[in-house]
C-alpha atoms as a PDB file:
ATOM      1  CA  MET A   1      26.356  -1.002  18.347  1.00  0.00           C
ATOM      2  CA  THR A   2      23.744   1.471  17.145  1.00  0.00           C
ATOM      3  CA  THR A   3      20.629  -0.146  15.706  1.00  0.00           C
ATOM      4  CA  ASN A   4      19.708   1.018  12.230  1.00  0.00           C
ATOM      5  CA  PRO A   5      16.065   2.241  12.487  1.00  0.00           C
ATOM      6  CA  TYR A   6      15.467   1.920   8.728  1.00  0.00           C
ATOM      7  CA  LEU A   7      16.022  -1.799   8.210  1.00  0.00           C
ATOM      8  CA  ASN A   8      12.407  -3.004   8.389  1.00  0.00           C
ATOM      9  CA  ARG A   9      11.273  -3.543   4.799  1.00  0.00           C
ATOM     10  CA  ASN A  10       8.129  -5.445   5.763  1.00  0.00           C
ATOM     11  CA  MET A  11       4.658  -4.151   6.567  1.00  0.00           C
ATOM     12  CA  ILE A  12       4.901  -1.590   9.397  1.00  0.00           C
ATOM     13  CA  THR A  13       2.870  -2.931  12.320  1.00  0.00           C
ATOM     14  CA  ASN A  14       4.196  -0.714  15.124  1.00  0.00           C
ATOM     15  CA  PRO A  15       2.505   2.709  15.148  1.00  0.00           C
ATOM     16  CA  ALA A  16       5.712   4.264  16.543  1.00  0.00           C
ATOM     17  CA  GLU A  17       7.541   3.259  13.341  1.00  0.00           C
ATOM     18  CA  PHE A  18       4.832   4.531  10.984  1.00  0.00           C
ATOM     19  CA  PHE A  19       5.436   7.893   9.320  1.00  0.00           C
ATOM     20  CA  GLY A  20       3.164  10.115   7.281  1.00  0.00           C
ATOM     21  CA  ARG A  21      -0.226   9.194   5.788  1.00  0.00           C
ATOM     22  CA  GLU A  22      -2.111  11.050   8.525  1.00  0.00           C
ATOM     23  CA  ARG A  23      -4.765  12.347   6.138  1.00  0.00           C
ATOM     24  CA  GLU A  24      -5.319   8.954   4.523  1.00  0.00           C
ATOM     25  CA  LEU A  25      -5.428   7.200   7.907  1.00  0.00           C
ATOM     26  CA  ARG A  26      -7.984   9.689   9.270  1.00  0.00           C
ATOM     27  CA  LYS A  27     -10.134   9.177   6.185  1.00  0.00           C
ATOM     28  CA  ILE A  28     -10.211   5.401   6.599  1.00  0.00           C
ATOM     29  CA  LEU A  29     -10.855   5.547  10.336  1.00  0.00           C
ATOM     30  CA  ALA A  30     -13.658   8.071   9.878  1.00  0.00           C
ATOM     31  CA  ARG A  31     -15.442   5.791   7.452  1.00  0.00           C
ATOM     32  CA  ILE A  32     -15.102   2.519   9.323  1.00  0.00           C
ATOM     33  CA  GLY A  33     -15.958   4.339  12.555  1.00  0.00           C
ATOM     34  CA  ASN A  34     -19.326   5.420  11.218  1.00  0.00           C
ATOM     35  CA  GLN A  35     -22.410   3.910  12.891  1.00  0.00           C
ATOM     36  CA  ARG A  36     -22.895   2.144   9.591  1.00  0.00           C
ATOM     37  CA  PRO A  37     -19.275   1.434   8.637  1.00  0.00           C
ATOM     38  CA  GLN A  38     -18.327   2.348   5.086  1.00  0.00           C
ATOM     39  CA  SER A  39     -16.023   0.408   2.755  1.00  0.00           C
ATOM     40  CA  VAL A  40     -12.709   1.861   1.543  1.00  0.00           C
ATOM     41  CA  ALA A  41     -10.396   0.846  -1.330  1.00  0.00           C
ATOM     42  CA  VAL A  42      -6.726   1.851  -0.970  1.00  0.00           C
ATOM     43  CA  VAL A  43      -5.069   2.000  -4.393  1.00  0.00           C
ATOM     44  CA  GLY A  44      -1.393   2.623  -5.071  1.00  0.00           C
ATOM     45  CA  GLU A  45       1.771   1.459  -6.776  1.00  0.00           C
ATOM     46  CA  ARG A  46       3.905  -1.466  -5.638  1.00  0.00           C
ATOM     47  CA  ARG A  47       5.784  -0.846  -2.358  1.00  0.00           C
ATOM     48  CA  ILE A  48       4.120   2.535  -1.828  1.00  0.00           C
ATOM     49  CA  GLY A  49       2.963   1.538   1.681  1.00  0.00           C
ATOM     50  CA  LYS A  50      -0.546   0.164   1.154  1.00  0.00           C
ATOM     51  CA  SER A  51      -0.181  -2.777   3.545  1.00  0.00           C
ATOM     52  CA  SER A  52       1.298  -0.603   6.279  1.00  0.00           C
ATOM     53  CA  LEU A  53      -1.535   1.907   5.974  1.00  0.00           C
ATOM     54  CA  LEU A  54      -4.134  -0.871   6.140  1.00  0.00           C
ATOM     55  CA  TYR A  55      -2.533  -2.338   9.220  1.00  0.00           C
ATOM     56  CA  GLN A  56      -2.384   1.032  10.963  1.00  0.00           C
ATOM     57  CA  ALA A  57      -6.128   1.483  10.381  1.00  0.00           C
ATOM     58  CA  TYR A  58      -6.591  -2.030  11.790  1.00  0.00           C
ATOM     59  CA  HIS A  59      -4.313  -1.443  14.795  1.00  0.00           C
ATOM     60  CA  PRO A  60      -6.343  -1.188  18.032  1.00  0.00           C
ATOM     61  CA  ALA A  61      -4.357   1.796  19.354  1.00  0.00           C
ATOM     62  CA  ASN A  62      -5.146   3.913  16.306  1.00  0.00           C
ATOM     63  CA  ARG A  63      -8.796   2.887  16.289  1.00  0.00           C
ATOM     64  CA  GLN A  64      -9.162   3.680  19.980  1.00  0.00           C
ATOM     65  CA  ALA A  65      -7.573   7.099  19.498  1.00  0.00           C
ATOM     66  CA  SER A  66      -9.909   8.085  16.649  1.00  0.00           C
ATOM     67  CA  ILE A  67     -13.177   6.188  17.034  1.00  0.00           C
ATOM     68  CA  PRO A  68     -15.277   6.961  20.144  1.00  0.00           C
ATOM     69  CA  ASP A  69     -16.888   3.521  20.331  1.00  0.00           C
ATOM     70  CA  ALA A  70     -13.939   1.552  18.930  1.00  0.00           C
ATOM     71  CA  ALA A  71     -14.660  -1.327  21.302  1.00  0.00           C
ATOM     72  CA  SER A  72     -17.824  -2.100  19.351  1.00  0.00           C
ATOM     73  CA  LEU A  73     -15.847  -2.787  16.179  1.00  0.00           C
ATOM     74  CA  VAL A  74     -14.837  -6.337  15.385  1.00  0.00           C
ATOM     75  CA  CYS A  75     -11.861  -6.056  13.023  1.00  0.00           C
ATOM     76  CA  VAL A  76     -10.234  -8.810  11.018  1.00  0.00           C
ATOM     77  CA  PHE A  77      -7.018  -8.470   8.994  1.00  0.00           C
ATOM     78  CA  MET A  78      -6.670 -10.789   6.008  1.00  0.00           C
ATOM     79  CA  ASP A  79      -3.214 -10.864   4.396  1.00  0.00           C
ATOM     80  CA  LEU A  80      -3.957 -12.376   1.002  1.00  0.00           C
ATOM     81  CA  SER A  81      -0.396 -12.084  -0.357  1.00  0.00           C
ATOM     82  CA  GLU A  82       0.303 -15.762   0.348  1.00  0.00           C
ATOM     83  CA  ARG A  83      -3.157 -16.953  -0.692  1.00  0.00           C
ATOM     84  CA  LYS A  84      -3.086 -16.225  -4.393  1.00  0.00           C
ATOM     85  CA  ASP A  85      -3.637 -19.878  -5.246  1.00  0.00           C
ATOM     86  CA  TYR A  86      -6.610 -20.300  -2.938  1.00  0.00           C
ATOM     87  CA  GLN A  87      -9.957 -21.623  -4.048  1.00  0.00           C
ATOM     88  CA  ALA A  88     -13.071 -19.819  -2.779  1.00  0.00           C
ATOM     89  CA  ALA A  89     -13.655 -22.362   0.009  1.00  0.00           C
ATOM     90  CA  GLN A  90     -10.096 -21.835   1.299  1.00  0.00           C
ATOM     91  CA  ILE A  91     -10.618 -18.083   1.465  1.00  0.00           C
ATOM     92  CA  PHE A  92     -13.638 -18.654   3.695  1.00  0.00           C
ATOM     93  CA  GLN A  93     -11.642 -21.056   5.883  1.00  0.00           C
ATOM     94  CA  ALA A  94      -8.929 -18.442   6.364  1.00  0.00           C
ATOM     95  CA  LEU A  95     -11.562 -15.799   7.116  1.00  0.00           C
ATOM     96  CA  PHE A  96     -13.226 -18.012   9.708  1.00  0.00           C
ATOM     97  CA  ALA A  97      -9.869 -18.613  11.413  1.00  0.00           C
ATOM     98  CA  GLU A  98      -9.321 -14.857  11.731  1.00  0.00           C
ATOM     99  CA  LEU A  99     -12.905 -14.283  12.874  1.00  0.00           C
ATOM    100  CA  SER A 100     -12.482 -16.972  15.530  1.00  0.00           C
ATOM    101  CA  ARG A 101      -9.460 -15.142  16.923  1.00  0.00           C
ATOM    102  CA  ALA A 102     -11.217 -11.775  16.876  1.00  0.00           C
ATOM    103  CA  LEU A 103     -14.386 -13.079  18.562  1.00  0.00           C
ATOM    104  CA  GLY A 104     -12.783 -15.535  20.953  1.00  0.00           C
ATOM    105  CA  GLU A 105     -14.996 -18.328  19.708  1.00  0.00           C
ATOM    106  CA  THR A 106     -14.613 -21.127  17.210  1.00  0.00           C
ATOM    107  CA  ILE A 107     -16.222 -20.617  13.822  1.00  0.00           C
ATOM    108  CA  THR A 108     -16.141 -23.638  11.550  1.00  0.00           C
ATOM    109  CA  SER A 109     -17.283 -23.803   7.969  1.00  0.00           C
ATOM    110  CA  ASP A 110     -20.475 -25.590   7.048  1.00  0.00           C
ATOM    111  CA  ALA A 111     -20.412 -28.447   4.575  1.00  0.00           C
ATOM    112  CA  GLY A 112     -21.187 -26.072   1.729  1.00  0.00           C
ATOM    113  CA  SER A 113     -19.399 -23.021   0.407  1.00  0.00           C
ATOM    114  CA  GLY A 114     -19.157 -21.091   3.678  1.00  0.00           C
ATOM    115  CA  TYR A 115     -21.739 -18.436   2.812  1.00  0.00           C
ATOM    116  CA  ASP A 116     -24.245 -19.553   5.463  1.00  0.00           C
ATOM    117  CA  THR A 117     -21.600 -19.796   8.176  1.00  0.00           C
ATOM    118  CA  PHE A 118     -20.324 -16.298   7.462  1.00  0.00           C
ATOM    119  CA  LYS A 119     -23.821 -14.806   7.338  1.00  0.00           C
ATOM    120  CA  ALA A 120     -24.687 -16.438  10.679  1.00  0.00           C
ATOM    121  CA  ALA A 121     -21.505 -15.023  12.260  1.00  0.00           C
ATOM    122  CA  VAL A 122     -22.341 -11.540  10.943  1.00  0.00           C
ATOM    123  CA  GLN A 123     -25.840 -11.790  12.391  1.00  0.00           C
ATOM    124  CA  ARG A 124     -24.459 -12.768  15.819  1.00  0.00           C
ATOM    125  CA  ILE A 125     -22.019  -9.860  15.757  1.00  0.00           C
ATOM    126  CA  GLU A 126     -24.778  -7.409  14.849  1.00  0.00           C
ATOM    127  CA  ALA A 127     -27.182  -8.825  17.455  1.00  0.00           C
ATOM    128  CA  SER A 128     -24.551  -8.139  20.122  1.00  0.00           C
ATOM    129  CA  GLY A 129     -24.444  -4.450  19.100  1.00  0.00           C
ATOM    130  CA  ARG A 130     -21.114  -4.693  17.297  1.00  0.00           C
ATOM    131  CA  ARG A 131     -19.966  -3.954  13.718  1.00  0.00           C
ATOM    132  CA  LEU A 132     -17.611  -5.920  11.517  1.00  0.00           C
ATOM    133  CA  VAL A 133     -14.748  -4.539   9.416  1.00  0.00           C
ATOM    134  CA  ILE A 134     -12.630  -6.861   7.292  1.00  0.00           C
ATOM    135  CA  PHE A 135      -9.290  -5.624   5.989  1.00  0.00           C
ATOM    136  CA  PHE A 136      -8.333  -7.424   2.732  1.00  0.00           C
ATOM    137  CA  ASP A 137      -4.673  -6.727   1.973  1.00  0.00           C
ATOM    138  CA  GLU A 138      -3.768  -7.420  -1.699  1.00  0.00           C
ATOM    139  CA  PHE A 139      -7.360  -7.905  -2.820  1.00  0.00           C
ATOM    140  CA  GLU A 140      -6.048  -9.013  -6.225  1.00  0.00           C
ATOM    141  CA  ALA A 141      -5.775 -12.493  -4.725  1.00  0.00           C
ATOM    142  CA  ILE A 142      -9.572 -12.708  -4.811  1.00  0.00           C
ATOM    143  CA  ALA A 143     -10.740 -10.482  -7.643  1.00  0.00           C
ATOM    144  CA  SER A 144      -8.271 -11.748 -10.254  1.00  0.00           C
ATOM    145  CA  ASN A 145      -7.549 -15.244  -8.977  1.00  0.00           C
ATOM    146  CA  PRO A 146      -7.215 -17.535 -12.025  1.00  0.00           C
ATOM    147  CA  ASN A 147      -7.976 -20.557  -9.826  1.00  0.00           C
ATOM    148  CA  ILE A 148     -11.485 -19.342  -9.146  1.00  0.00           C
ATOM    149  CA  PRO A 149     -13.901 -19.311 -12.116  1.00  0.00           C
ATOM    150  CA  ALA A 150     -15.174 -15.856 -13.009  1.00  0.00           C
ATOM    151  CA  ALA A 151     -18.743 -16.860 -12.205  1.00  0.00           C
ATOM    152  CA  ASN A 152     -17.660 -17.921  -8.696  1.00  0.00           C
ATOM    153  CA  VAL A 153     -15.771 -14.674  -8.139  1.00  0.00           C
ATOM    154  CA  THR A 154     -18.826 -12.694  -9.245  1.00  0.00           C
ATOM    155  CA  GLU A 155     -21.008 -14.715  -6.892  1.00  0.00           C
ATOM    156  CA  PHE A 156     -18.602 -14.171  -3.999  1.00  0.00           C
ATOM    157  CA  LEU A 157     -18.400 -10.412  -4.594  1.00  0.00           C
ATOM    158  CA  ALA A 158     -22.177 -10.165  -4.899  1.00  0.00           C
ATOM    159  CA  PHE A 159     -22.481 -11.990  -1.584  1.00  0.00           C
ATOM    160  CA  LEU A 160     -20.041  -9.602   0.118  1.00  0.00           C
ATOM    161  CA  ARG A 161     -21.933  -6.595  -1.257  1.00  0.00           C
ATOM    162  CA  GLY A 162     -25.237  -8.038  -0.056  1.00  0.00           C
ATOM    163  CA  ILE A 163     -23.813  -8.529   3.431  1.00  0.00           C
ATOM    164  CA  ALA A 164     -22.542  -4.922   3.537  1.00  0.00           C
ATOM    165  CA  ASN A 165     -25.898  -3.600   2.324  1.00  0.00           C
ATOM    166  CA  SER A 166     -27.938  -5.587   4.855  1.00  0.00           C
ATOM    167  CA  HIS A 167     -25.687  -5.490   7.918  1.00  0.00           C
ATOM    168  CA  ALA A 168     -23.203  -3.265   9.748  1.00  0.00           C
ATOM    169  CA  VAL A 169     -20.253  -4.628   7.774  1.00  0.00           C
ATOM    170  CA  ALA A 170     -17.526  -2.868   5.783  1.00  0.00           C
ATOM    171  CA  TYR A 171     -14.416  -3.885   3.862  1.00  0.00           C
ATOM    172  CA  VAL A 172     -11.085  -2.105   3.520  1.00  0.00           C
ATOM    173  CA  THR A 173      -9.036  -3.355   0.575  1.00  0.00           C
ATOM    174  CA  SER A 174      -5.642  -2.646  -0.922  1.00  0.00           C
ATOM    175  CA  SER A 175      -4.684  -3.142  -4.560  1.00  0.00           C
ATOM    176  CA  GLN A 176      -2.288  -1.771  -7.136  1.00  0.00           C
ATOM    177  CA  ILE A 177      -5.075  -0.775  -9.521  1.00  0.00           C
ATOM    178  CA  ASP A 178      -8.710   0.195  -9.222  1.00  0.00           C
ATOM    179  CA  LEU A 179     -10.927  -2.636  -8.052  1.00  0.00           C
ATOM    180  CA  GLN A 180     -12.993  -2.510 -11.220  1.00  0.00           C
ATOM    181  CA  GLU A 181      -9.884  -3.311 -13.262  1.00  0.00           C
ATOM    182  CA  LEU A 182      -8.849  -6.348 -11.213  1.00  0.00           C
ATOM    183  CA  GLY A 183     -11.241  -8.858 -12.659  1.00  0.00           C
ATOM    184  CA  HIS A 184     -10.228 -11.276 -15.380  1.00  0.00           C
ATOM    185  CA  SER A 185     -13.573 -10.964 -17.157  1.00  0.00           C
ATOM    186  CA  GLY A 186     -16.020  -8.233 -18.136  1.00  0.00           C
ATOM    187  CA  GLU A 187     -18.620  -9.801 -15.882  1.00  0.00           C
ATOM    188  CA  ILE A 188     -16.439  -9.223 -12.814  1.00  0.00           C
ATOM    189  CA  LYS A 189     -15.531  -5.676 -13.851  1.00  0.00           C
ATOM    190  CA  GLU A 190     -19.224  -4.792 -14.032  1.00  0.00           C
ATOM    191  CA  SER A 191     -19.986  -6.181 -10.565  1.00  0.00           C
ATOM    192  CA  PRO A 192     -21.914  -3.675  -8.404  1.00  0.00           C
ATOM    193  CA  PHE A 193     -19.684  -4.749  -5.489  1.00  0.00           C
ATOM    194  CA  PHE A 194     -17.179  -2.067  -6.444  1.00  0.00           C
ATOM    195  CA  ASN A 195     -19.734   0.739  -6.096  1.00  0.00           C
ATOM    196  CA  ILE A 196     -19.777   0.573  -2.284  1.00  0.00           C
ATOM    197  CA  PHE A 197     -16.172   1.761  -1.898  1.00  0.00           C
ATOM    198  CA  THR A 198     -14.596   5.136  -1.213  1.00  0.00           C
ATOM    199  CA  ARG A 199     -11.274   5.323  -3.066  1.00  0.00           C
ATOM    200  CA  VAL A 200      -8.112   6.384  -1.208  1.00  0.00           C
ATOM    201  CA  SER A 201      -5.239   6.995  -3.624  1.00  0.00           C
ATOM    202  CA  LEU A 202      -1.822   6.395  -2.140  1.00  0.00           C
ATOM    203  CA  GLY A 203       1.070   8.167  -3.805  1.00  0.00           C
ATOM    204  CA  PRO A 204       4.528   9.284  -2.709  1.00  0.00           C
ATOM    205  CA  PHE A 205       5.085  11.066   0.582  1.00  0.00           C
ATOM    206  CA  SER A 206       4.704  14.811   0.730  1.00  0.00           C
ATOM    207  CA  ARG A 207       8.003  16.613   1.208  1.00  0.00           C
ATOM    208  CA  GLU A 208       7.127  17.188   4.869  1.00  0.00           C
ATOM    209  CA  GLU A 209       6.436  13.464   5.404  1.00  0.00           C
ATOM    210  CA  ALA A 210       9.685  12.540   3.668  1.00  0.00           C
ATOM    211  CA  LEU A 211      11.706  14.947   5.783  1.00  0.00           C
ATOM    212  CA  ALA A 212      10.154  13.514   8.955  1.00  0.00           C
ATOM    213  CA  LEU A 213      11.191  10.005   7.910  1.00  0.00           C
ATOM    214  CA  ILE A 214      14.722  11.212   7.223  1.00  0.00           C
ATOM    215  CA  ALA A 215      15.142  13.283  10.379  1.00  0.00           C
ATOM    216  CA  GLN A 216      13.299  11.693  13.262  1.00  0.00           C
ATOM    217  CA  PRO A 217      14.458   8.018  13.413  1.00  0.00           C
ATOM    218  CA  SER A 218      18.064   8.913  12.634  1.00  0.00           C
ATOM    219  CA  ALA A 219      18.186  11.699  15.235  1.00  0.00           C
ATOM    220  CA  ALA A 220      16.696   9.376  17.877  1.00  0.00           C
ATOM    221  CA  ALA A 221      19.408   6.823  17.040  1.00  0.00           C
ATOM    222  CA  GLY A 222      22.203   9.389  17.346  1.00  0.00           C
ATOM    223  CA  ARG A 223      23.156   9.598  13.674  1.00  0.00           C
ATOM    224  CA  PRO A 224      21.120  12.498  12.264  1.00  0.00           C
ATOM    225  CA  LEU A 225      20.510  12.367   8.525  1.00  0.00           C
ATOM    226  CA  ALA A 226      18.676  15.695   8.227  1.00  0.00           C
ATOM    227  CA  PRO A 227      21.821  17.475   6.925  1.00  0.00           C
ATOM    228  CA  TYR A 228      21.806  15.074   3.975  1.00  0.00           C
ATOM    229  CA  ALA A 229      18.107  15.360   3.174  1.00  0.00           C
ATOM    230  CA  ASP A 230      18.631  16.962  -0.241  1.00  0.00           C
ATOM    231  CA  THR A 231      20.949  14.169  -1.331  1.00  0.00           C
ATOM    232  CA  LEU A 232      18.600  11.452  -0.046  1.00  0.00           C
ATOM    233  CA  LEU A 233      15.667  13.060  -1.871  1.00  0.00           C
ATOM    234  CA  GLN A 234      17.740  13.241  -5.041  1.00  0.00           C
ATOM    235  CA  TRP A 235      18.502   9.494  -4.782  1.00  0.00           C
ATOM    236  CA  ALA A 236      15.041   8.296  -3.817  1.00  0.00           C
ATOM    237  CA  GLY A 237      12.545  11.097  -4.245  1.00  0.00           C
ATOM    238  CA  THR A 238       9.707  10.923  -1.733  1.00  0.00           C
ATOM    239  CA  HIS A 239       8.827   7.312  -2.513  1.00  0.00           C
ATOM    240  CA  PRO A 240       8.587   5.644   0.950  1.00  0.00           C
ATOM    241  CA  PHE A 241      10.320   2.362   0.068  1.00  0.00           C
ATOM    242  CA  PHE A 242      13.233   3.899  -1.831  1.00  0.00           C
ATOM    243  CA  LEU A 243      13.640   6.696   0.701  1.00  0.00           C
ATOM    244  CA  GLN A 244      13.753   4.243   3.599  1.00  0.00           C
ATOM    245  CA  THR A 245      16.308   2.162   1.701  1.00  0.00           C
ATOM    246  CA  ALA A 246      18.419   5.258   1.041  1.00  0.00           C
ATOM    247  CA  CYS A 247      18.261   6.234   4.712  1.00  0.00           C
ATOM    248  CA  ALA A 248      19.218   2.700   5.781  1.00  0.00           C
ATOM    249  CA  VAL A 249      22.286   2.778   3.527  1.00  0.00           C
ATOM    250  CA  LEU A 250      23.464   6.256   4.517  1.00  0.00           C
ATOM    251  CA  PHE A 251      22.866   5.568   8.210  1.00  0.00           C
ATOM    252  CA  GLU A 252      25.445   2.759   8.009  1.00  0.00           C
ATOM    253  CA  TRP A 253      28.039   5.148   6.564  1.00  0.00           C
ATOM    254  CA  HIS A 254      27.382   7.749   9.282  1.00  0.00           C
ATOM    255  CA  ASN A 255      30.181   7.532  11.861  1.00  0.00           C
ATOM    256  CA  GLY A 256      28.348   9.525  14.539  1.00  0.00           C
ATOM    257  CA  GLN A 257      29.967  12.761  13.446  1.00  0.00           C
ATOM    258  CA  GLY A 258      28.789  12.800   9.869  1.00  0.00           C
ATOM    259  CA  VAL A 259      29.385  11.289   6.424  1.00  0.00           C
ATOM    260  CA  SER A 260      32.522  12.131   4.458  1.00  0.00           C
ATOM    261  CA  HIS A 261      32.371  13.024   0.794  1.00  0.00           C
ATOM    262  CA  GLN A 262      34.109   9.768  -0.101  1.00  0.00           C
ATOM    263  CA  ASP A 263      31.683   7.708   1.987  1.00  0.00           C
ATOM    264  CA  MET A 264      28.745   9.550   0.434  1.00  0.00           C
ATOM    265  CA  THR A 265      29.920   8.353  -2.990  1.00  0.00           C
ATOM    266  CA  ARG A 266      30.216   4.811  -1.687  1.00  0.00           C
ATOM    267  CA  ALA A 267      26.748   5.031  -0.161  1.00  0.00           C
ATOM    268  CA  ALA A 268      25.289   6.156  -3.499  1.00  0.00           C
ATOM    269  CA  ILE A 269      26.829   3.106  -5.203  1.00  0.00           C
ATOM    270  CA  GLU A 270      25.497   0.813  -2.481  1.00  0.00           C
ATOM    271  CA  PHE A 271      22.010   2.304  -2.786  1.00  0.00           C
ATOM    272  CA  ALA A 272      22.093   1.803  -6.558  1.00  0.00           C
ATOM    273  CA  ASP A 273      23.106  -1.839  -6.101  1.00  0.00           C
ATOM    274  CA  GLU A 274      20.302  -2.472  -3.589  1.00  0.00           C
ATOM    275  CA  THR A 275      17.582  -0.859  -5.664  1.00  0.00           C
ATOM    276  CA  GLU A 276      18.460  -1.737  -9.264  1.00  0.00           C
ATOM    277  CA  ASP A 277      16.216  -4.810  -9.335  1.00  0.00           C
ATOM    278  CA  HIS A 278      13.300  -2.800  -7.910  1.00  0.00           C
ATOM    279  CA  PHE A 279      13.790  -0.016 -10.431  1.00  0.00           C
ATOM    280  CA  GLN A 280      13.996  -2.560 -13.243  1.00  0.00           C
ATOM    281  CA  TYR A 281      10.733  -4.115 -12.064  1.00  0.00           C
ATOM    282  CA  ILE A 282       9.070  -0.719 -12.316  1.00  0.00           C
ATOM    283  CA  TRP A 283      10.509  -0.236 -15.807  1.00  0.00           C
ATOM    284  CA  GLN A 284       9.336  -3.621 -17.030  1.00  0.00           C
ATOM    285  CA  HIS A 285       5.788  -3.061 -15.776  1.00  0.00           C
ATOM    286  CA  LEU A 286       5.331   0.364 -17.355  1.00  0.00           C
ATOM    287  CA  LYS A 287       3.518   0.740 -20.652  1.00  0.00           C
ATOM    288  CA  ALA A 288       5.660   1.329 -23.745  1.00  0.00           C
ATOM    289  CA  GLU A 289       4.540   4.942 -24.072  1.00  0.00           C
ATOM    290  CA  GLU A 290       5.356   5.594 -20.399  1.00  0.00           C
ATOM    291  CA  ARG A 291       8.837   4.162 -20.861  1.00  0.00           C
ATOM    292  CA  SER A 292       9.236   6.417 -23.891  1.00  0.00           C
ATOM    293  CA  VAL A 293       8.494   9.509 -21.809  1.00  0.00           C
ATOM    294  CA  LEU A 294      10.859   8.490 -19.010  1.00  0.00           C
ATOM    295  CA  ARG A 295      13.621   7.697 -21.495  1.00  0.00           C
ATOM    296  CA  SER A 296      13.205  11.163 -23.021  1.00  0.00           C
ATOM    297  CA  LEU A 297      13.566  12.772 -19.599  1.00  0.00           C
ATOM    298  CA  ALA A 298      16.559  10.566 -18.712  1.00  0.00           C
ATOM    299  CA  THR A 299      18.410  11.435 -21.915  1.00  0.00           C
ATOM    300  CA  GLY A 300      17.459  15.100 -22.143  1.00  0.00           C
ATOM    301  CA  VAL A 301      15.217  14.707 -25.194  1.00  0.00           C
ATOM    302  CA  PRO A 302      12.111  16.963 -25.240  1.00  0.00           C
ATOM    303  CA  VAL A 303       8.859  15.123 -24.584  1.00  0.00           C
ATOM    304  CA  PRO A 304       6.479  15.556 -27.553  1.00  0.00           C
ATOM    305  CA  ASP A 305       3.362  17.614 -26.914  1.00  0.00           C
ATOM    306  CA  THR A 306       1.240  14.577 -27.716  1.00  0.00           C
ATOM    307  CA  GLN A 307       2.718  12.797 -24.668  1.00  0.00           C
ATOM    308  CA  HIS A 308       2.341  15.590 -22.121  1.00  0.00           C
ATOM    309  CA  TYR A 309      -0.728  13.891 -20.664  1.00  0.00           C
ATOM    310  CA  LEU A 310       1.571  11.013 -19.707  1.00  0.00           C
ATOM    311  CA  LEU A 311       3.747  13.422 -17.769  1.00  0.00           C
ATOM    312  CA  ARG A 312       0.756  14.238 -15.564  1.00  0.00           C
ATOM    313  CA  GLN A 313      -0.141  10.576 -15.123  1.00  0.00           C
ATOM    314  CA  LEU A 314       3.405   9.610 -14.200  1.00  0.00           C
ATOM    315  CA  GLU A 315       3.621  12.516 -11.775  1.00  0.00           C
ATOM    316  CA  ARG A 316       0.455  11.358  -9.992  1.00  0.00           C
ATOM    317  CA  ARG A 317       1.987   7.908  -9.669  1.00  0.00           C
ATOM    318  CA  GLY A 318       5.184   9.359  -8.250  1.00  0.00           C
ATOM    319  CA  TYR A 319       7.611   8.553 -11.071  1.00  0.00           C
ATOM    320  CA  ILE A 320       8.013  12.191 -12.113  1.00  0.00           C
ATOM    321  CA  VAL A 321       8.435  15.263  -9.920  1.00  0.00           C
ATOM    322  CA  SER A 322       8.440  18.936 -10.748  1.00  0.00           C
ATOM    323  CA  TRP A 323      11.863  20.492 -10.292  1.00  0.00           C
ATOM    324  CA  ALA A 324      12.195  24.251 -10.846  1.00  0.00           C
ATOM    325  CA  GLY A 325       9.001  24.056 -12.871  1.00  0.00           C
ATOM    326  CA  LEU A 326      10.292  21.285 -15.133  1.00  0.00           C
ATOM    327  CA  PRO A 327       9.491  17.537 -15.042  1.00  0.00           C
ATOM    328  CA  ARG A 328      12.219  15.281 -13.687  1.00  0.00           C
ATOM    329  CA  ILE A 329      12.425  11.549 -12.925  1.00  0.00           C
ATOM    330  CA  PHE A 330      11.920  11.160  -9.188  1.00  0.00           C
ATOM    331  CA  SER A 331      15.225   9.341  -8.595  1.00  0.00           C
ATOM    332  CA  SER A 332      18.568  10.270 -10.100  1.00  0.00           C
ATOM    333  CA  ILE A 333      19.653   6.641  -9.658  1.00  0.00           C
ATOM    334  CA  PHE A 334      16.621   5.386 -11.589  1.00  0.00           C
ATOM    335  CA  ALA A 335      17.194   8.006 -14.288  1.00  0.00           C
ATOM    336  CA  GLY A 336      20.817   6.878 -14.648  1.00  0.00           C
ATOM    337  CA  LEU A 337      19.792   3.273 -15.206  1.00  0.00           C
ATOM    338  CA  ILE A 338      17.127   3.891 -17.865  1.00  0.00           C
ATOM    339  CA  PRO A 339      19.452   4.428 -20.904  1.00  0.00           C
ATOM    340  CA  GLN A 340      20.901   0.919 -20.502  1.00  0.00           C
ATOM    341  CA  TRP A 341      17.522  -0.838 -20.526  1.00  0.00           C
ATOM    342  CA  PRO A 342      15.616  -1.903 -23.646  1.00  0.00           C
ATOM    343  CA  SER A 343      12.422  -0.075 -24.546  1.00  0.00           C
END
């Protein structure tokens, strides 16, 4: 039985399974590899590949290939997706557990908030000639955590900024929106913590990256999908998650010789069934004026001139592509679903 190479829908941890994002990965590695490591904020839509990119920057093989003195970096990966209900003290406890693994020594929290313990660990790392980089995946869990009072969040962020300013420490974060917009109060949004970051915007794949994802894994598995690239791009655009899902579906209908016209139709129906909930999530989380623009495109109604700025915004986010010089919804499946949904 041939293994489907497109089935992994989780964070990509194996560099051999990671496609595209070479420019973004180089940018992150260049900044954390600096003698004074610099902080980076990765910002992008849901399921656009933020976690996978963060993990690839964290992965020792990629660091060793790009950073001359990679061995002097102490790197910690914090997956905050399951810690959205944490109090501040629990975040420190989780951080100390990861630091203990990275350093090969036990770090336990002091009786207080954890600030002194963390600062002492940073000082020991720096005294040994090493630098610390902490990867915070889904940083929303800290910056907009309703279980942590705004004043405590502000204090925590100010502490992190002070550590980065005084020591060889950097942070790499991922979030769906800009860090400044994550806070649940104006006080948090105005925190100077956010000023230390270089922003890396993560959008859809380039066409070249998308074609590599379509062609390479399928060819290696003996069921090449490159001949169906145009159809796959019509279904999913160059959005990594939807494109991988489309490839996974079509790969199953490939009999080793190809995909018949009848099976292609069945595959399109299967892809629509698998992705409808995800497309509906996107629709429900768009602003009303954004839904209005997409509905116009889906139904062939001209977009008013006053809304053309939204076309550009939606294109940057990957929901619209330019086709023969005209705007088009990135996925024909998504476009077909829009008329049945409420505004």
